[in-house]
Amino acid sequence: MNYWIWALHYDWATPEMVKQAIRYKDCSPEDLQKGVEKKLITAEQYKEITGEAI
């Protein structure tokens, strides 16, 4: 699992930080989707970060 998913799950990172990580290609929407599937982040967090519903 991507570091940023764990960081978001444990409140070590904010959604804005994850958005920046996506811009730097350090995390991807696919990584976020896997995080939702494993219940590490919520669908609402996914939507807030990507702007798209899962």
N, C-alpha and C. Protein backbone atom coordinates (compact mmCIF):
# COMPACT_ATOMS: atom_id res chain seq x y z
N MET A 1 0.85 -1.17 0.00
CA MET A 1 0.00 0.00 0.00
C MET A 1 0.90 1.24 0.00
N ASN A 2 0.50 2.22 -0.76
CA ASN A 2 1.26 3.46 -0.89
C ASN A 2 1.35 4.20 0.45
N TYR A 3 2.51 4.80 0.68
CA TYR A 3 2.74 5.56 1.91
C TYR A 3 1.66 6.60 2.14
N TRP A 4 1.25 7.31 1.09
CA TRP A 4 0.29 8.40 1.25
C TRP A 4 -1.07 7.91 1.72
N ILE A 5 -1.43 6.70 1.37
CA ILE A 5 -2.70 6.14 1.84
C ILE A 5 -2.62 5.92 3.35
N TRP A 6 -1.51 5.34 3.80
CA TRP A 6 -1.32 5.14 5.25
C TRP A 6 -1.27 6.49 5.97
N ALA A 7 -0.58 7.45 5.39
CA ALA A 7 -0.46 8.77 6.01
C ALA A 7 -1.82 9.43 6.15
N LEU A 8 -2.65 9.30 5.15
CA LEU A 8 -4.00 9.86 5.22
C LEU A 8 -4.83 9.11 6.26
N HIS A 9 -4.71 7.80 6.28
CA HIS A 9 -5.45 6.97 7.23
C HIS A 9 -5.12 7.34 8.67
N TYR A 10 -3.85 7.55 8.97
CA TYR A 10 -3.42 7.85 10.34
C TYR A 10 -3.35 9.35 10.64
N ASP A 11 -3.89 10.17 9.75
CA ASP A 11 -3.90 11.63 9.91
C ASP A 11 -2.49 12.23 9.98
N TRP A 12 -1.54 11.59 9.32
CA TRP A 12 -0.19 12.14 9.21
C TRP A 12 -0.12 13.10 8.03
N ALA A 13 -1.09 13.01 7.14
CA ALA A 13 -1.13 13.87 5.95
C ALA A 13 -2.55 14.39 5.77
N THR A 14 -2.65 15.54 5.14
CA THR A 14 -3.95 16.13 4.83
C THR A 14 -4.31 15.80 3.38
N PRO A 15 -5.58 15.94 3.03
CA PRO A 15 -5.96 15.74 1.63
C PRO A 15 -5.17 16.65 0.68
N GLU A 16 -4.88 17.87 1.12
CA GLU A 16 -4.09 18.78 0.27
C GLU A 16 -2.69 18.23 0.01
N MET A 17 -2.10 17.63 1.02
CA MET A 17 -0.77 17.03 0.85
C MET A 17 -0.83 15.88 -0.15
N VAL A 18 -1.89 15.09 -0.09
CA VAL A 18 -2.03 13.96 -1.01
C VAL A 18 -2.26 14.47 -2.43
N LYS A 19 -3.03 15.56 -2.57
CA LYS A 19 -3.21 16.16 -3.90
C LYS A 19 -1.86 16.56 -4.49
N GLN A 20 -1.01 17.14 -3.66
CA GLN A 20 0.32 17.54 -4.13
C GLN A 20 1.14 16.30 -4.49
N ALA A 21 1.03 15.24 -3.71
CA ALA A 21 1.75 13.99 -4.01
C ALA A 21 1.30 13.43 -5.36
N ILE A 22 0.02 13.56 -5.67
CA ILE A 22 -0.48 13.10 -6.97
C ILE A 22 0.14 13.95 -8.09
N ARG A 23 0.21 15.26 -7.87
CA ARG A 23 0.82 16.13 -8.88
C ARG A 23 2.29 15.76 -9.12
N TYR A 24 2.98 15.32 -8.07
CA TYR A 24 4.38 14.90 -8.20
C TYR A 24 4.51 13.44 -8.62
N LYS A 25 3.36 12.80 -8.87
CA LYS A 25 3.31 11.39 -9.30
C LYS A 25 3.88 10.44 -8.24
N ASP A 26 3.75 10.84 -6.98
CA ASP A 26 4.19 10.00 -5.86
C ASP A 26 3.04 9.13 -5.35
N CYS A 27 1.85 9.42 -5.84
CA CYS A 27 0.64 8.69 -5.48
C CYS A 27 -0.30 8.82 -6.69
N SER A 28 -1.23 7.90 -6.82
CA SER A 28 -2.13 7.94 -7.98
C SER A 28 -3.57 7.73 -7.52
N PRO A 29 -4.52 8.12 -8.37
CA PRO A 29 -5.92 7.82 -8.06
C PRO A 29 -6.16 6.33 -7.87
N GLU A 30 -5.39 5.51 -8.58
CA GLU A 30 -5.53 4.05 -8.42
C GLU A 30 -5.10 3.62 -7.02
N ASP A 31 -4.05 4.25 -6.50
CA ASP A 31 -3.62 3.97 -5.12
C ASP A 31 -4.73 4.34 -4.14
N LEU A 32 -5.35 5.50 -4.38
CA LEU A 32 -6.45 5.93 -3.52
C LEU A 32 -7.61 4.96 -3.59
N GLN A 33 -7.91 4.48 -4.78
CA GLN A 33 -9.01 3.53 -4.95
C GLN A 33 -8.74 2.25 -4.16
N LYS A 34 -7.50 1.78 -4.19
CA LYS A 34 -7.14 0.60 -3.40
C LYS A 34 -7.31 0.87 -1.91
N GLY A 35 -6.99 2.09 -1.50
CA GLY A 35 -7.18 2.47 -0.10
C GLY A 35 -8.64 2.44 0.31
N VAL A 36 -9.52 2.87 -0.58
CA VAL A 36 -10.96 2.81 -0.30
C VAL A 36 -11.41 1.36 -0.22
N GLU A 37 -10.94 0.54 -1.16
CA GLU A 37 -11.32 -0.88 -1.16
C GLU A 37 -10.89 -1.58 0.12
N LYS A 38 -9.74 -1.19 0.67
CA LYS A 38 -9.24 -1.81 1.90
C LYS A 38 -9.73 -1.09 3.16
N LYS A 39 -10.61 -0.09 2.94
CA LYS A 39 -11.22 0.68 4.02
C LYS A 39 -10.20 1.46 4.86
N LEU A 40 -9.14 1.91 4.22
CA LEU A 40 -8.15 2.74 4.89
C LEU A 40 -8.48 4.22 4.75
N ILE A 41 -9.16 4.56 3.66
CA ILE A 41 -9.67 5.92 3.48
C ILE A 41 -11.13 5.81 3.03
N THR A 42 -11.84 6.91 3.15
CA THR A 42 -13.27 6.89 2.81
C THR A 42 -13.50 7.32 1.37
N ALA A 43 -14.67 6.99 0.88
CA ALA A 43 -15.06 7.44 -0.46
C ALA A 43 -15.13 8.96 -0.51
N GLU A 44 -15.49 9.58 0.62
CA GLU A 44 -15.55 11.04 0.68
C GLU A 44 -14.15 11.65 0.54
N GLN A 45 -13.15 11.02 1.18
CA GLN A 45 -11.78 11.50 1.04
C GLN A 45 -11.31 11.34 -0.41
N TYR A 46 -11.65 10.22 -1.01
CA TYR A 46 -11.29 9.99 -2.42
C TYR A 46 -11.87 11.10 -3.29
N LYS A 47 -13.14 11.42 -3.07
CA LYS A 47 -13.79 12.45 -3.88
C LYS A 47 -13.17 13.82 -3.62
N GLU A 48 -12.87 14.11 -2.36
CA GLU A 48 -12.25 15.40 -2.03
C GLU A 48 -10.90 15.57 -2.72
N ILE A 49 -10.15 14.49 -2.81
CA ILE A 49 -8.80 14.56 -3.39
C ILE A 49 -8.84 14.54 -4.91
N THR A 50 -9.66 13.66 -5.49
CA THR A 50 -9.65 13.50 -6.95
C THR A 50 -10.70 14.35 -7.65
N GLY A 51 -11.73 14.75 -6.92
CA GLY A 51 -12.82 15.50 -7.54
C GLY A 51 -13.82 14.61 -8.23
N GLU A 52 -13.65 13.30 -8.12
CA GLU A 52 -14.54 12.33 -8.76
C GLU A 52 -15.09 11.36 -7.73
N ALA A 53 -16.31 10.93 -7.96
CA ALA A 53 -16.89 9.90 -7.10
C ALA A 53 -16.30 8.55 -7.48
N ILE A 54 -16.23 7.68 -6.52
CA ILE A 54 -15.65 6.36 -6.78
C ILE A 54 -16.69 5.41 -7.32
